[in-house]
Every structure is written in C-alpha cells, then in structure tokens.
Amino acid sequence: MGTDGVVRAPSAAAAIEVADWRRRVFDIYAEVRRLSIDDVVGAHSHWCAARNELFATHPQTPLLPEDRAGFSGLPVATYDPAWRFDVELVAPAEPAGFDFATGTDGVVPFELIGRAEIGGVGVLDVWRLKSYGGGIFVPVRDGLAGLRGGTYGGGRYLLDTIKGAHLGEGSGTGSLVLDFNFAYNPSCAYDPAWACPLAPLGNRVQATIPVGELYS
C-alpha cells in the first residue's frame, strides 16, 4: 500500500520473488513428508535449516531490515515426538465460517470442515479456504501465547496448505497429521505491516505447547 493509501500492484520482480518463496516452501514440506516416513527428527531438522536459510537469504523474507544483519536462526524447540498426532476429523455439528479482511487480497472467507480432538491439547477447528485454490488451514493459540519465551501472541500455524505447509494425510480416511513441532509463526510476527489470519476462538486452547517455533 502506498503512502497515499492506494493499494498498488506489485512489480513484476516482486511478484516473481513471491512465487519463488512459495515454491521453496512447497519444496521444504515435500522433503519433510518424504523424510518423515523413516526419520521424523531428521525431517524436523531439515525444516529448521531450510527455513533459516530462506529467512536469511531470500529477498521476500518477512524479517525487518534491522533484524536481518544479526539473524542467526528462528527460535525452534527441540523435537518431541509426543507432540505428533494422526487425527481423524470429526464433522462439525453445524456449518460455520469466518471472513478475514486483508489490505491487498480483500475479504478471505473460510469454512469449517471438521474438528480435531487431540488428547492433552483440546479441540482444534480445521478450516478450508473458500476462495480460489481452496486449502486447509489450522492455526493454534496455546497457553504460552504472549508470554516471554513462549509463543506468538496471535497464535501459530500448523497447516496452511495453499501456501505449502502440509504434513500429509493421516492413516485413516479423512485424517491429517498434526505435528506441533512444526508450528510456525505467521509473517506478522516478524513484520507488523503484514495482515495475517489469526487463531479464531475454536483454535485457542488452554494447554501449553512448548514445541515448534517460539517467540521472544
């Protein structure tokens, strides 16, 4: 958005850079899914290293300029297999949805497609992006949100498949892999100029989730 408040089209160079960022994220998660078959800890290590490289070097990094010079890596907790779940979705009792207004993409609508019941965590709503391209979206805001050394106050993302963040299907029909070790911060956690869908009420839990990307 320009200083006069007018939303401007991105330059061709910026659009190509964003497309490259998205392609690289898809590649990262494809490798994570491949490695997770035999070595989920190794898959997590790859995820951490690849994201650090992307944030440090890519022209479309969400890091602010003043944060790039001293960047040494994103704060991610050590992998804990107890936080990986294969979850079959429970159909919602009634239709539900929410609309998210962005500065550049207009209003982005989501619809509820199911709920994931996770032992020791609670219930998380699973959303589908209703606009072009579809996509599954699972944010989470836990009991450590907003605390020093805890998690980002607006919540983190577990899945955002339209942007590549997908850990794969679970073992049963209509199931998903939800691994909190791969929870990551939305772009607005690094740069407040970004407008990011944050965790709605059905994606807020009281449980503390000490794995995944943290926030200081």
Protein backbone atom coordinates (compact mmCIF):
# COMPACT_ATOMS: atom_id res chain seq x y z
CA MET A 1 0.00 0.00 0.00
CA GLY A 2 1.40 3.39 -0.91
CA THR A 3 1.70 6.36 1.41
CA ASP A 4 -1.45 7.84 -0.14
CA GLY A 5 -3.46 4.81 0.99
CA VAL A 6 -3.84 3.36 -2.51
CA VAL A 7 -3.21 -0.36 -2.88
CA ARG A 8 -0.68 -0.73 -5.69
CA ALA A 9 0.08 -3.72 -7.86
CA PRO A 10 3.44 -5.37 -7.05
CA SER A 11 6.25 -5.04 -9.54
CA ALA A 12 6.96 -7.98 -11.83
CA ALA A 13 10.22 -8.60 -9.96
CA ALA A 14 8.47 -8.70 -6.58
CA ALA A 15 5.74 -11.00 -7.91
CA ILE A 16 8.34 -13.43 -9.25
CA GLU A 17 10.19 -13.34 -5.92
CA VAL A 18 6.99 -14.16 -4.02
CA ALA A 19 6.30 -17.03 -6.40
CA ASP A 20 9.83 -18.32 -5.78
CA TRP A 21 9.33 -18.07 -2.00
CA ARG A 22 6.14 -20.12 -2.28
CA ARG A 23 7.83 -22.70 -4.49
CA ARG A 24 10.64 -23.11 -1.97
CA VAL A 25 8.18 -23.57 0.89
CA PHE A 26 6.38 -26.27 -1.10
CA ASP A 27 9.75 -27.95 -1.70
CA ILE A 28 10.63 -27.81 2.02
CA TYR A 29 7.40 -29.54 3.03
CA ALA A 30 7.66 -32.11 0.25
CA GLU A 31 11.04 -33.09 1.67
CA VAL A 32 9.64 -33.08 5.21
CA ARG A 33 6.90 -35.52 4.19
CA ARG A 34 9.43 -37.75 2.42
CA LEU A 35 11.88 -37.81 5.33
CA SER A 36 9.15 -38.26 7.95
CA ILE A 37 8.37 -41.75 6.68
CA ASP A 38 11.56 -43.08 8.30
CA ASP A 39 13.10 -40.20 10.26
CA VAL A 40 10.75 -37.53 11.59
CA VAL A 41 13.52 -35.98 13.72
CA GLY A 42 15.66 -35.62 10.61
CA ALA A 43 12.66 -34.15 8.79
CA HIS A 44 12.29 -31.57 11.53
CA SER A 45 15.99 -30.71 11.36
CA HIS A 46 15.67 -30.21 7.61
CA TRP A 47 12.62 -27.96 8.15
CA CYS A 48 14.53 -25.81 10.64
CA ALA A 49 17.65 -25.48 8.50
CA ALA A 50 15.78 -24.80 5.27
CA ARG A 51 13.57 -22.13 6.85
CA ASN A 52 16.59 -20.45 8.43
CA GLU A 53 18.29 -20.30 5.04
CA LEU A 54 15.14 -18.94 3.39
CA PHE A 55 14.63 -16.24 6.03
CA ALA A 56 18.30 -15.24 5.94
CA THR A 57 18.78 -15.00 2.19
CA HIS A 58 15.53 -14.60 0.29
CA PRO A 59 14.53 -11.11 -0.95
CA GLN A 60 10.95 -11.69 0.23
CA THR A 61 11.90 -12.60 3.80
CA PRO A 62 9.39 -11.20 6.30
CA LEU A 63 12.26 -10.17 8.59
CA LEU A 64 12.56 -6.41 9.04
CA PRO A 65 15.77 -4.89 7.64
CA GLU A 66 17.07 -4.14 11.13
CA ASP A 67 16.60 -7.80 12.13
CA ARG A 68 18.43 -9.32 9.16
CA ALA A 69 22.04 -8.38 9.99
CA GLY A 70 22.09 -10.23 13.31
CA PHE A 71 19.82 -13.09 12.28
CA SER A 72 21.18 -16.43 13.46
CA GLY A 73 18.13 -18.63 13.11
CA LEU A 74 14.50 -18.91 14.14
CA PRO A 75 13.87 -20.00 17.75
CA VAL A 76 12.53 -23.55 17.45
CA ALA A 77 12.27 -26.04 20.31
CA THR A 78 13.94 -29.46 20.16
CA TYR A 79 11.78 -32.10 18.51
CA ASP A 80 9.49 -34.03 20.87
CA PRO A 81 7.63 -36.99 19.29
CA ALA A 82 4.90 -36.78 21.94
CA TRP A 83 3.50 -33.76 20.07
CA ARG A 84 2.89 -35.56 16.76
CA PHE A 85 -0.68 -36.75 16.15
CA ASP A 86 -2.55 -38.66 13.47
CA VAL A 87 -6.02 -37.19 13.81
CA GLU A 88 -9.31 -38.19 12.21
CA LEU A 89 -11.55 -35.19 11.75
CA VAL A 90 -14.97 -35.07 13.40
CA ALA A 91 -17.66 -33.44 11.27
CA PRO A 92 -18.96 -30.13 12.69
CA ALA A 93 -22.46 -30.20 14.19
CA GLU A 94 -23.47 -27.23 12.08
CA PRO A 95 -21.92 -25.03 9.36
CA ALA A 96 -19.56 -22.28 10.49
CA GLY A 97 -17.15 -19.85 8.90
CA PHE A 98 -15.31 -16.60 9.26
CA ASP A 99 -14.17 -13.82 6.95
CA PHE A 100 -10.74 -12.24 7.19
CA ALA A 101 -10.18 -8.78 5.70
CA THR A 102 -6.74 -8.13 4.21
CA GLY A 103 -5.26 -4.97 2.77
CA THR A 104 -4.36 -6.49 -0.60
CA ASP A 105 -6.49 -9.62 -1.12
CA GLY A 106 -9.83 -8.25 0.04
CA VAL A 107 -12.00 -10.41 2.27
CA VAL A 108 -10.79 -14.01 2.53
CA PRO A 109 -13.57 -16.46 3.54
CA PHE A 110 -13.03 -19.68 5.47
CA GLU A 111 -15.46 -22.53 6.19
CA LEU A 112 -15.30 -25.12 8.95
CA ILE A 113 -14.76 -28.65 7.58
CA GLY A 114 -14.10 -30.55 10.79
CA ARG A 115 -12.68 -30.63 14.28
CA ALA A 116 -9.57 -32.39 15.52
CA GLU A 117 -9.80 -33.84 19.03
CA ILE A 118 -6.27 -34.06 20.41
CA GLY A 119 -5.51 -35.68 23.74
CA GLY A 120 -3.76 -33.36 26.17
CA VAL A 121 -4.39 -30.36 23.93
CA GLY A 122 -8.10 -29.98 23.28
CA VAL A 123 -10.18 -29.50 20.16
CA LEU A 124 -8.99 -27.53 17.14
CA ASP A 125 -11.18 -26.33 14.29
CA VAL A 126 -10.00 -27.27 10.79
CA TRP A 127 -10.81 -24.70 8.12
CA ARG A 128 -10.97 -24.64 4.34
CA LEU A 129 -10.25 -21.54 2.31
CA LYS A 130 -13.42 -20.98 0.26
CA SER A 131 -11.88 -18.71 -2.37
CA TYR A 132 -9.98 -19.83 -5.47
CA GLY A 133 -7.50 -22.63 -4.86
CA GLY A 134 -9.03 -23.97 -1.66
CA GLY A 135 -6.61 -25.08 1.04
CA ILE A 136 -6.69 -26.43 4.60
CA PHE A 137 -5.87 -24.01 7.41
CA VAL A 138 -5.19 -24.96 11.05
CA PRO A 139 -3.94 -22.21 13.36
CA VAL A 140 -3.43 -22.67 17.10
CA ARG A 141 -3.07 -20.28 20.03
CA ASP A 142 -1.91 -22.01 23.21
CA GLY A 143 -1.44 -21.17 26.87
CA LEU A 144 2.08 -19.82 26.26
CA ALA A 145 0.87 -17.18 23.80
CA GLY A 146 2.16 -13.71 24.59
CA LEU A 147 4.43 -14.86 27.41
CA ARG A 148 8.15 -14.05 27.40
CA GLY A 149 9.97 -17.01 25.89
CA GLY A 150 6.61 -18.53 24.97
CA THR A 151 4.70 -18.46 21.70
CA TYR A 152 3.47 -15.68 19.44
CA GLY A 153 0.52 -13.82 20.97
CA GLY A 154 -1.63 -14.10 17.87
CA GLY A 155 -1.09 -17.84 17.57
CA ARG A 156 0.87 -20.03 15.18
CA TYR A 157 0.07 -22.07 12.10
CA LEU A 158 0.14 -25.89 11.98
CA LEU A 159 -1.12 -26.20 8.41
CA ASP A 160 -1.68 -23.73 5.60
CA THR A 161 -1.73 -25.99 2.59
CA ILE A 162 -2.42 -23.39 -0.07
CA LYS A 163 0.98 -21.92 0.83
CA GLY A 164 2.69 -25.30 1.02
CA ALA A 165 2.59 -26.01 4.77
CA HIS A 166 1.22 -29.54 4.69
CA LEU A 167 2.45 -32.51 6.74
CA GLY A 168 0.39 -35.09 4.89
CA GLU A 169 -2.70 -37.21 5.36
CA GLY A 170 -3.11 -39.46 8.35
CA SER A 171 -3.51 -43.22 8.30
CA GLY A 172 -7.30 -43.17 8.01
CA THR A 173 -9.72 -41.66 5.55
CA GLY A 174 -10.39 -38.02 6.37
CA SER A 175 -7.44 -37.74 8.74
CA LEU A 176 -4.45 -35.42 8.95
CA VAL A 177 -1.02 -35.35 10.52
CA LEU A 178 -0.87 -32.53 13.05
CA ASP A 179 2.63 -32.17 14.46
CA PHE A 180 3.06 -29.25 16.82
CA ASN A 181 6.83 -29.43 16.42
CA PHE A 182 6.23 -27.82 13.02
CA ALA A 183 4.05 -24.98 14.34
CA TYR A 184 5.39 -21.72 12.93
CA ASN A 185 4.77 -18.01 13.32
CA PRO A 186 2.77 -16.07 10.72
CA SER A 187 4.58 -13.31 8.82
CA CYS A 188 3.01 -10.60 11.00
CA ALA A 189 5.09 -11.91 13.92
CA TYR A 190 8.17 -10.52 12.17
CA ASP A 191 6.75 -7.50 10.34
CA PRO A 192 3.57 -5.76 11.60
CA ALA A 193 2.86 -4.49 8.07
CA TRP A 194 1.62 -8.00 7.22
CA ALA A 195 -2.06 -8.85 7.74
CA CYS A 196 -2.38 -12.49 8.82
CA PRO A 197 -5.45 -14.56 9.79
CA LEU A 198 -5.02 -15.28 13.48
CA ALA A 199 -6.46 -18.11 15.55
CA PRO A 200 -10.24 -17.77 16.00
CA LEU A 201 -11.93 -18.96 19.20
CA GLY A 202 -12.16 -22.58 18.05
CA ASN A 203 -8.38 -22.68 17.65
CA ARG A 204 -7.45 -21.38 21.09
CA VAL A 205 -6.54 -23.90 23.76
CA GLN A 206 -5.52 -23.57 27.40
CA ALA A 207 -2.84 -26.25 27.13
CA THR A 208 0.77 -25.10 26.95
CA ILE A 209 2.51 -26.27 23.77
CA PRO A 210 6.28 -25.84 24.29
CA VAL A 211 7.37 -27.14 20.87
CA GLY A 212 7.58 -25.62 17.41
CA GLU A 213 8.68 -22.07 16.70
CA LEU A 214 8.80 -19.92 19.82
CA TYR A 215 8.72 -16.14 20.28
CA SER A 216 10.83 -13.86 22.45
